[in-house]
Amino acid sequence: MGRPGAPRRRGRKRGIRSNALGRSRGGFSTKVHAVTTTGGKPLHLALTPGQQHESTMAEELLVHAEGEAFIADTGDDADRIRANVQKPGMKPVIHSNPSRKSPLPLDRSLYRLRYRVECFFLDLKHFRAAATRYDKTATSYLAVLHVASMLLWLR
């Protein structure tokens, strides 16, 4: 018991990747992914490291989406994402990626509602602890984001 040596692993993952920190051009960062209502109120939040692409979280976010349409930005334009959106009967409202050979039709009246997600992120940045990640672990930072989201719902 009192022998020298490395401590035993306790089964938890530590480090940069497990704490949703990733190196991007601006340094260490974390991406916050959100599903919101059309009024800009959050329904689900998720974290990924900064260098991870947005489209990797589309399936998880789709599980928490409600309504008749799934409005997303150009980064989520992929055939597999569009197919997964149509499975539960939702309409994909995703602007076509410029690299797509033939652009797909876009319902511009619904796509205009996407700015409300951006408004949610702007409101989230009014909370200092959410805007500048002070927390070391991803679970602590996600808790701060949930508290800020609750306060936004109470407004």
N, C-alpha and C. Protein backbone atom coordinates (compact mmCIF):
# COMPACT_ATOMS: atom_id res chain seq x y z
N MET A 1 0.80 -1.19 0.00
CA MET A 1 0.00 0.00 0.00
C MET A 1 0.85 1.26 0.00
N GLY A 2 1.94 1.27 0.70
CA GLY A 2 2.78 2.44 0.76
C GLY A 2 3.92 2.40 -0.23
N ARG A 3 3.79 1.57 -1.28
CA ARG A 3 4.87 1.45 -2.24
C ARG A 3 4.89 2.65 -3.19
N PRO A 4 6.07 3.04 -3.63
CA PRO A 4 6.13 4.13 -4.60
C PRO A 4 5.68 3.64 -5.98
N GLY A 5 5.16 4.53 -6.77
CA GLY A 5 4.73 4.17 -8.12
C GLY A 5 3.65 5.11 -8.60
N ALA A 6 3.22 4.87 -9.81
CA ALA A 6 2.18 5.70 -10.41
C ALA A 6 0.84 5.41 -9.75
N PRO A 7 0.01 6.44 -9.57
CA PRO A 7 -1.31 6.20 -8.97
C PRO A 7 -2.18 5.37 -9.91
N ARG A 8 -3.07 4.60 -9.34
CA ARG A 8 -3.97 3.78 -10.14
C ARG A 8 -4.99 4.66 -10.85
N ARG A 9 -5.38 4.20 -12.01
CA ARG A 9 -6.42 4.94 -12.75
C ARG A 9 -7.75 4.73 -12.04
N ARG A 10 -8.51 5.76 -11.95
CA ARG A 10 -9.79 5.70 -11.27
C ARG A 10 -10.97 5.55 -12.24
N GLY A 11 -10.68 5.38 -13.54
CA GLY A 11 -11.75 5.19 -14.49
C GLY A 11 -12.27 6.46 -15.11
N ARG A 12 -11.81 7.60 -14.69
CA ARG A 12 -12.29 8.84 -15.29
C ARG A 12 -11.28 9.33 -16.31
N LYS A 13 -11.77 10.02 -17.30
CA LYS A 13 -10.90 10.54 -18.34
C LYS A 13 -10.54 11.98 -18.00
N ARG A 14 -9.30 12.27 -18.16
CA ARG A 14 -8.84 13.62 -17.90
C ARG A 14 -8.22 14.17 -19.17
N GLY A 15 -7.81 15.41 -19.10
CA GLY A 15 -7.07 15.98 -20.21
C GLY A 15 -7.87 16.97 -21.02
N ILE A 16 -7.22 17.44 -22.04
CA ILE A 16 -7.79 18.50 -22.86
C ILE A 16 -9.00 18.01 -23.63
N ARG A 17 -8.90 16.87 -24.28
CA ARG A 17 -9.98 16.40 -25.15
C ARG A 17 -11.25 16.07 -24.37
N SER A 18 -11.12 15.43 -23.23
CA SER A 18 -12.30 15.06 -22.46
C SER A 18 -12.96 16.27 -21.81
N ASN A 19 -12.25 17.38 -21.73
CA ASN A 19 -12.83 18.60 -21.16
C ASN A 19 -13.28 19.56 -22.23
N ALA A 20 -13.47 19.07 -23.44
CA ALA A 20 -14.00 19.83 -24.58
C ALA A 20 -13.14 21.05 -24.88
N LEU A 21 -11.84 20.89 -24.76
CA LEU A 21 -10.93 21.94 -25.17
C LEU A 21 -10.21 21.47 -26.41
N GLY A 22 -10.13 22.33 -27.40
CA GLY A 22 -9.44 21.96 -28.62
C GLY A 22 -8.65 23.12 -29.16
N ARG A 23 -7.59 22.81 -29.82
CA ARG A 23 -6.74 23.85 -30.38
C ARG A 23 -7.24 24.22 -31.77
N SER A 24 -7.59 25.48 -31.91
CA SER A 24 -7.97 26.02 -33.20
C SER A 24 -7.03 27.18 -33.51
N ARG A 25 -7.32 27.96 -34.53
CA ARG A 25 -6.42 29.05 -34.90
C ARG A 25 -6.24 30.08 -33.79
N GLY A 26 -7.28 30.29 -33.00
CA GLY A 26 -7.22 31.28 -31.94
C GLY A 26 -6.70 30.76 -30.62
N GLY A 27 -6.26 29.52 -30.56
CA GLY A 27 -5.80 28.93 -29.31
C GLY A 27 -6.78 27.89 -28.82
N PHE A 28 -6.77 27.63 -27.52
CA PHE A 28 -7.70 26.67 -26.95
C PHE A 28 -9.10 27.25 -26.96
N SER A 29 -10.06 26.45 -27.39
CA SER A 29 -11.43 26.94 -27.44
C SER A 29 -12.39 25.76 -27.31
N THR A 30 -13.64 26.11 -27.08
CA THR A 30 -14.72 25.15 -26.96
C THR A 30 -15.87 25.64 -27.82
N LYS A 31 -16.50 24.74 -28.56
CA LYS A 31 -17.68 25.11 -29.34
C LYS A 31 -18.92 24.71 -28.57
N VAL A 32 -19.88 25.61 -28.55
CA VAL A 32 -21.16 25.36 -27.91
C VAL A 32 -22.18 25.15 -29.03
N HIS A 33 -22.87 24.03 -28.99
CA HIS A 33 -23.91 23.71 -29.97
C HIS A 33 -25.25 23.80 -29.25
N ALA A 34 -26.25 24.36 -29.93
CA ALA A 34 -27.53 24.56 -29.27
C ALA A 34 -28.70 24.24 -30.19
N VAL A 35 -29.76 23.74 -29.59
CA VAL A 35 -31.06 23.61 -30.24
C VAL A 35 -31.95 24.61 -29.53
N THR A 36 -32.57 25.49 -30.29
CA THR A 36 -33.42 26.52 -29.68
C THR A 36 -34.82 26.46 -30.29
N THR A 37 -35.72 27.17 -29.63
CA THR A 37 -37.06 27.35 -30.18
C THR A 37 -36.98 28.47 -31.22
N THR A 38 -38.06 28.69 -31.92
CA THR A 38 -38.07 29.79 -32.88
C THR A 38 -38.04 31.14 -32.18
N GLY A 39 -38.30 31.15 -30.89
CA GLY A 39 -38.20 32.38 -30.10
C GLY A 39 -36.80 32.62 -29.55
N GLY A 40 -35.87 31.70 -29.80
CA GLY A 40 -34.51 31.87 -29.33
C GLY A 40 -34.26 31.35 -27.93
N LYS A 41 -35.15 30.53 -27.41
CA LYS A 41 -34.97 29.94 -26.08
C LYS A 41 -34.31 28.56 -26.24
N PRO A 42 -33.31 28.26 -25.42
CA PRO A 42 -32.56 27.00 -25.60
C PRO A 42 -33.35 25.77 -25.15
N LEU A 43 -33.20 24.71 -25.93
CA LEU A 43 -33.78 23.42 -25.57
C LEU A 43 -32.70 22.40 -25.19
N HIS A 44 -31.55 22.47 -25.86
CA HIS A 44 -30.47 21.51 -25.61
C HIS A 44 -29.14 22.19 -25.91
N LEU A 45 -28.14 21.92 -25.07
CA LEU A 45 -26.79 22.44 -25.27
C LEU A 45 -25.81 21.29 -25.27
N ALA A 46 -24.76 21.40 -26.08
CA ALA A 46 -23.71 20.39 -26.14
C ALA A 46 -22.38 21.09 -26.39
N LEU A 47 -21.29 20.46 -25.94
CA LEU A 47 -19.95 21.02 -26.10
C LEU A 47 -19.08 20.09 -26.92
N THR A 48 -18.20 20.69 -27.72
CA THR A 48 -17.17 19.94 -28.43
C THR A 48 -15.88 20.75 -28.40
N PRO A 49 -14.75 20.10 -28.64
CA PRO A 49 -13.49 20.84 -28.74
C PRO A 49 -13.53 21.81 -29.92
N GLY A 50 -12.72 22.84 -29.85
CA GLY A 50 -12.75 23.91 -30.83
C GLY A 50 -12.45 23.50 -32.25
N GLN A 51 -11.62 22.48 -32.45
CA GLN A 51 -11.25 22.12 -33.81
C GLN A 51 -12.25 21.16 -34.46
N GLN A 52 -13.19 20.63 -33.71
CA GLN A 52 -14.15 19.66 -34.24
C GLN A 52 -15.20 20.35 -35.09
N HIS A 53 -15.56 19.76 -36.21
CA HIS A 53 -16.52 20.37 -37.12
C HIS A 53 -17.94 20.31 -36.54
N GLU A 54 -18.75 21.29 -36.92
CA GLU A 54 -20.11 21.39 -36.39
C GLU A 54 -20.99 20.22 -36.81
N SER A 55 -20.79 19.71 -38.01
CA SER A 55 -21.69 18.69 -38.52
C SER A 55 -21.58 17.36 -37.77
N THR A 56 -20.53 17.18 -36.98
CA THR A 56 -20.41 15.93 -36.22
C THR A 56 -21.45 15.84 -35.10
N MET A 57 -22.01 16.96 -34.71
CA MET A 57 -23.01 16.98 -33.63
C MET A 57 -24.44 17.04 -34.14
N ALA A 58 -24.64 17.06 -35.44
CA ALA A 58 -25.98 17.26 -36.00
C ALA A 58 -26.95 16.16 -35.57
N GLU A 59 -26.50 14.91 -35.56
CA GLU A 59 -27.41 13.82 -35.19
C GLU A 59 -27.85 13.92 -33.73
N GLU A 60 -26.92 14.28 -32.84
CA GLU A 60 -27.29 14.44 -31.43
C GLU A 60 -28.26 15.59 -31.24
N LEU A 61 -28.03 16.69 -31.95
CA LEU A 61 -28.92 17.83 -31.83
C LEU A 61 -30.29 17.53 -32.42
N LEU A 62 -30.32 16.72 -33.45
CA LEU A 62 -31.58 16.38 -34.10
C LEU A 62 -32.50 15.59 -33.18
N VAL A 63 -31.93 14.80 -32.29
CA VAL A 63 -32.73 14.03 -31.33
C VAL A 63 -33.53 14.97 -30.43
N HIS A 64 -32.98 16.11 -30.11
CA HIS A 64 -33.62 17.06 -29.19
C HIS A 64 -34.44 18.12 -29.91
N ALA A 65 -34.46 18.09 -31.23
CA ALA A 65 -35.20 19.11 -32.00
C ALA A 65 -36.69 18.81 -31.99
N GLU A 66 -37.47 19.87 -32.00
CA GLU A 66 -38.93 19.76 -32.02
C GLU A 66 -39.46 20.63 -33.14
N GLY A 67 -40.63 20.32 -33.63
CA GLY A 67 -41.27 21.18 -34.61
C GLY A 67 -41.34 20.55 -35.99
N GLU A 68 -41.67 21.39 -36.95
CA GLU A 68 -41.89 20.91 -38.31
C GLU A 68 -40.66 21.08 -39.20
N ALA A 69 -39.72 21.95 -38.78
CA ALA A 69 -38.55 22.22 -39.62
C ALA A 69 -37.29 22.20 -38.76
N PHE A 70 -36.19 21.81 -39.38
CA PHE A 70 -34.87 21.82 -38.76
C PHE A 70 -34.04 22.84 -39.52
N ILE A 71 -33.80 23.98 -38.89
CA ILE A 71 -33.09 25.08 -39.54
C ILE A 71 -31.64 25.05 -39.09
N ALA A 72 -30.72 24.96 -40.04
CA ALA A 72 -29.30 24.87 -39.73
C ALA A 72 -28.51 25.72 -40.72
N ASP A 73 -27.23 25.94 -40.40
CA ASP A 73 -26.41 26.74 -41.29
C ASP A 73 -25.71 25.88 -42.33
N THR A 74 -24.91 26.50 -43.15
CA THR A 74 -24.26 25.84 -44.28
C THR A 74 -23.34 24.71 -43.84
N GLY A 75 -22.74 24.81 -42.66
CA GLY A 75 -21.83 23.78 -42.18
C GLY A 75 -22.51 22.43 -42.00
N ASP A 76 -23.83 22.41 -41.86
CA ASP A 76 -24.56 21.16 -41.66
C ASP A 76 -25.16 20.62 -42.95
N ASP A 77 -24.73 21.15 -44.09
CA ASP A 77 -25.27 20.69 -45.37
C ASP A 77 -24.55 19.43 -45.81
N ALA A 78 -25.18 18.30 -45.54
CA ALA A 78 -24.68 17.00 -45.99
C ALA A 78 -25.90 16.12 -46.27
N ASP A 79 -25.75 15.22 -47.22
CA ASP A 79 -26.88 14.36 -47.59
C ASP A 79 -27.33 13.48 -46.43
N ARG A 80 -26.39 12.99 -45.61
CA ARG A 80 -26.75 12.13 -44.48
C ARG A 80 -27.54 12.92 -43.43
N ILE A 81 -27.19 14.18 -43.22
CA ILE A 81 -27.91 15.00 -42.25
C ILE A 81 -29.31 15.29 -42.76
N ARG A 82 -29.42 15.64 -44.04
CA ARG A 82 -30.74 15.90 -44.62
C ARG A 82 -31.63 14.66 -44.54
N ALA A 83 -31.06 13.48 -44.78
CA ALA A 83 -31.84 12.24 -44.70
C ALA A 83 -32.30 11.98 -43.27
N ASN A 84 -31.44 12.23 -42.28
CA ASN A 84 -31.82 12.03 -40.88
C ASN A 84 -32.87 13.04 -40.43
N VAL A 85 -32.87 14.22 -41.00
CA VAL A 85 -33.89 15.23 -40.66
C VAL A 85 -35.25 14.80 -41.19
N GLN A 86 -35.26 14.19 -42.37
CA GLN A 86 -36.53 13.81 -42.99
C GLN A 86 -37.15 12.56 -42.38
N LYS A 87 -36.36 11.76 -41.67
CA LYS A 87 -36.90 10.53 -41.06
C LYS A 87 -38.04 10.81 -40.10
N PRO A 88 -37.89 11.76 -39.13
CA PRO A 88 -39.03 12.00 -38.23
C PRO A 88 -40.11 12.90 -38.84
N GLY A 89 -39.97 13.26 -40.12
CA GLY A 89 -40.99 14.08 -40.77
C GLY A 89 -40.72 15.56 -40.72
N MET A 90 -39.52 15.95 -40.37
CA MET A 90 -39.17 17.37 -40.33
C MET A 90 -38.67 17.81 -41.71
N LYS A 91 -38.78 19.10 -41.94
CA LYS A 91 -38.31 19.67 -43.20
C LYS A 91 -36.92 20.25 -43.00
N PRO A 92 -35.92 19.82 -43.77
CA PRO A 92 -34.58 20.42 -43.63
C PRO A 92 -34.52 21.78 -44.30
N VAL A 93 -34.17 22.79 -43.51
CA VAL A 93 -34.00 24.14 -44.04
C VAL A 93 -32.53 24.48 -43.82
N ILE A 94 -31.71 24.06 -44.78
CA ILE A 94 -30.26 24.20 -44.68
C ILE A 94 -29.77 24.84 -45.97
N HIS A 95 -29.04 25.92 -45.83
CA HIS A 95 -28.48 26.59 -47.01
C HIS A 95 -27.44 25.67 -47.64
N SER A 96 -27.46 25.55 -48.97
CA SER A 96 -26.54 24.65 -49.67
C SER A 96 -25.11 25.13 -49.56
N ASN A 97 -24.21 24.19 -49.39
CA ASN A 97 -22.79 24.49 -49.34
C ASN A 97 -22.34 24.95 -50.73
N PRO A 98 -21.49 25.97 -50.81
CA PRO A 98 -21.06 26.44 -52.13
C PRO A 98 -20.32 25.38 -52.94
N SER A 99 -19.76 24.37 -52.29
CA SER A 99 -19.06 23.32 -53.02
C SER A 99 -20.02 22.29 -53.64
N ARG A 100 -21.30 22.37 -53.32
CA ARG A 100 -22.29 21.46 -53.90
C ARG A 100 -22.49 21.81 -55.37
N LYS A 101 -22.50 20.80 -56.23
CA LYS A 101 -22.57 21.05 -57.69
C LYS A 101 -23.87 21.71 -58.09
N SER A 102 -24.99 21.20 -57.58
CA SER A 102 -26.28 21.82 -57.88
C SER A 102 -26.94 22.19 -56.56
N PRO A 103 -27.14 23.49 -56.32
CA PRO A 103 -27.75 23.90 -55.04
C PRO A 103 -29.17 23.37 -54.88
N LEU A 104 -29.49 23.00 -53.66
CA LEU A 104 -30.83 22.49 -53.36
C LEU A 104 -31.75 23.67 -53.04
N PRO A 105 -33.05 23.50 -53.23
CA PRO A 105 -33.98 24.60 -52.94
C PRO A 105 -33.99 24.94 -51.45
N LEU A 106 -34.22 26.21 -51.15
CA LEU A 106 -34.21 26.70 -49.78
C LEU A 106 -35.46 27.53 -49.52
N ASP A 107 -36.15 27.22 -48.43
CA ASP A 107 -37.31 28.00 -48.02
C ASP A 107 -36.79 29.23 -47.28
N ARG A 108 -36.71 30.34 -47.98
CA ARG A 108 -36.09 31.54 -47.42
C ARG A 108 -36.90 32.14 -46.26
N SER A 109 -38.21 31.98 -46.28
CA SER A 109 -39.02 32.52 -45.18
C SER A 109 -38.72 31.80 -43.88
N LEU A 110 -38.47 30.49 -43.92
CA LEU A 110 -38.09 29.77 -42.71
C LEU A 110 -36.63 30.01 -42.36
N TYR A 111 -35.78 30.11 -43.36
CA TYR A 111 -34.34 30.30 -43.10
C TYR A 111 -34.07 31.64 -42.41
N ARG A 112 -34.96 32.60 -42.60
CA ARG A 112 -34.80 33.90 -41.93
C ARG A 112 -34.90 33.78 -40.41
N LEU A 113 -35.54 32.73 -39.92
CA LEU A 113 -35.68 32.53 -38.48
C LEU A 113 -34.37 32.07 -37.82
N ARG A 114 -33.36 31.72 -38.62
CA ARG A 114 -32.10 31.23 -38.08
C ARG A 114 -31.37 32.31 -37.29
N TYR A 115 -31.66 33.57 -37.55
CA TYR A 115 -30.98 34.64 -36.81
C TYR A 115 -31.32 34.59 -35.32
N ARG A 116 -32.43 33.95 -34.97
CA ARG A 116 -32.80 33.88 -33.55
C ARG A 116 -31.86 32.98 -32.76
N VAL A 117 -31.27 32.00 -33.42
CA VAL A 117 -30.24 31.19 -32.77
C VAL A 117 -29.02 32.05 -32.49
N GLU A 118 -28.67 32.89 -33.45
CA GLU A 118 -27.54 33.81 -33.25
C GLU A 118 -27.85 34.80 -32.13
N CYS A 119 -29.10 35.21 -32.02
CA CYS A 119 -29.50 36.10 -30.91
C CYS A 119 -29.36 35.39 -29.57
N PHE A 120 -29.66 34.07 -29.54
CA PHE A 120 -29.47 33.31 -28.31
C PHE A 120 -28.01 33.33 -27.89
N PHE A 121 -27.10 33.09 -28.84
CA PHE A 121 -25.67 33.11 -28.50
C PHE A 121 -25.22 34.49 -28.05
N LEU A 122 -25.80 35.53 -28.63
CA LEU A 122 -25.48 36.89 -28.19
C LEU A 122 -25.96 37.11 -26.76
N ASP A 123 -27.17 36.65 -26.44
CA ASP A 123 -27.69 36.77 -25.08
C ASP A 123 -26.84 35.94 -24.10
N LEU A 124 -26.37 34.80 -24.55
CA LEU A 124 -25.53 33.95 -23.70
C LEU A 124 -24.21 34.63 -23.37
N LYS A 125 -23.69 35.41 -24.29
CA LYS A 125 -22.41 36.08 -24.07
C LYS A 125 -22.52 37.25 -23.09
N HIS A 126 -23.75 37.65 -22.73
CA HIS A 126 -23.91 38.69 -21.71
C HIS A 126 -23.55 38.16 -20.32
N PHE A 127 -23.52 36.84 -20.17
CA PHE A 127 -23.10 36.23 -18.92
C PHE A 127 -21.59 36.02 -18.99
N ARG A 128 -20.86 36.71 -18.15
CA ARG A 128 -19.40 36.73 -18.24
C ARG A 128 -18.77 35.35 -18.12
N ALA A 129 -19.27 34.55 -17.21
CA ALA A 129 -18.70 33.21 -17.01
C ALA A 129 -18.97 32.31 -18.20
N ALA A 130 -20.04 32.57 -18.94
CA ALA A 130 -20.33 31.78 -20.13
C ALA A 130 -19.54 32.26 -21.33
N ALA A 131 -19.31 33.56 -21.41
CA ALA A 131 -18.59 34.12 -22.55
C ALA A 131 -17.10 33.79 -22.50
N THR A 132 -16.52 33.89 -21.32
CA THR A 132 -15.10 33.55 -21.15
C THR A 132 -15.04 32.33 -20.27
N ARG A 133 -14.65 31.24 -20.82
CA ARG A 133 -14.70 29.97 -20.10
C ARG A 133 -13.68 29.98 -18.97
N TYR A 134 -14.16 30.15 -17.74
CA TYR A 134 -13.29 30.10 -16.57
C TYR A 134 -13.14 28.68 -16.04
N ASP A 135 -14.08 27.82 -16.34
CA ASP A 135 -14.11 26.49 -15.76
C ASP A 135 -13.13 25.56 -16.44
N LYS A 136 -12.53 24.70 -15.65
CA LYS A 136 -11.55 23.78 -16.19
C LYS A 136 -12.20 22.58 -16.86
N THR A 137 -13.24 22.07 -16.26
CA THR A 137 -13.86 20.86 -16.79
C THR A 137 -15.06 21.20 -17.67
N ALA A 138 -15.35 20.29 -18.58
CA ALA A 138 -16.47 20.49 -19.49
C ALA A 138 -17.81 20.44 -18.74
N THR A 139 -17.90 19.58 -17.72
CA THR A 139 -19.16 19.48 -16.98
C THR A 139 -19.46 20.76 -16.21
N SER A 140 -18.42 21.39 -15.67
CA SER A 140 -18.63 22.65 -14.95
C SER A 140 -19.04 23.76 -15.90
N TYR A 141 -18.40 23.80 -17.06
CA TYR A 141 -18.74 24.84 -18.04
C TYR A 141 -20.15 24.63 -18.58
N LEU A 142 -20.52 23.37 -18.82
CA LEU A 142 -21.87 23.09 -19.29
C LEU A 142 -22.91 23.46 -18.23
N ALA A 143 -22.56 23.29 -16.95
CA ALA A 143 -23.46 23.71 -15.87
C ALA A 143 -23.65 25.22 -15.87
N VAL A 144 -22.58 25.97 -16.12
CA VAL A 144 -22.69 27.43 -16.20
C VAL A 144 -23.60 27.82 -17.37
N LEU A 145 -23.44 27.12 -18.49
CA LEU A 145 -24.29 27.41 -19.65
C LEU A 145 -25.76 27.08 -19.35
N HIS A 146 -26.00 26.02 -18.59
CA HIS A 146 -27.38 25.67 -18.24
C HIS A 146 -27.99 26.71 -17.30
N VAL A 147 -27.21 27.20 -16.36
CA VAL A 147 -27.73 28.24 -15.46
C VAL A 147 -28.05 29.51 -16.25
N ALA A 148 -27.15 29.88 -17.14
CA ALA A 148 -27.41 31.07 -17.98
C ALA A 148 -28.64 30.86 -18.86
N SER A 149 -28.83 29.64 -19.37
CA SER A 149 -29.99 29.34 -20.18
C SER A 149 -31.28 29.41 -19.38
N MET A 150 -31.21 28.94 -18.12
CA MET A 150 -32.40 29.05 -17.26
C MET A 150 -32.77 30.50 -17.02
N LEU A 151 -31.76 31.34 -16.82
CA LEU A 151 -32.04 32.75 -16.62
C LEU A 151 -32.63 33.39 -17.88
N LEU A 152 -32.20 32.93 -19.04
CA LEU A 152 -32.78 33.43 -20.28
C LEU A 152 -34.24 32.99 -20.42
N TRP A 153 -34.56 31.78 -19.96
CA TRP A 153 -35.96 31.33 -20.00
C TRP A 153 -36.82 32.16 -19.05
N LEU A 154 -36.26 32.60 -17.94
CA LEU A 154 -37.03 33.35 -16.95
C LEU A 154 -37.27 34.80 -17.34
N ARG A 155 -36.55 35.28 -18.31
CA ARG A 155 -36.75 36.67 -18.75
C ARG A 155 -38.10 36.89 -19.34
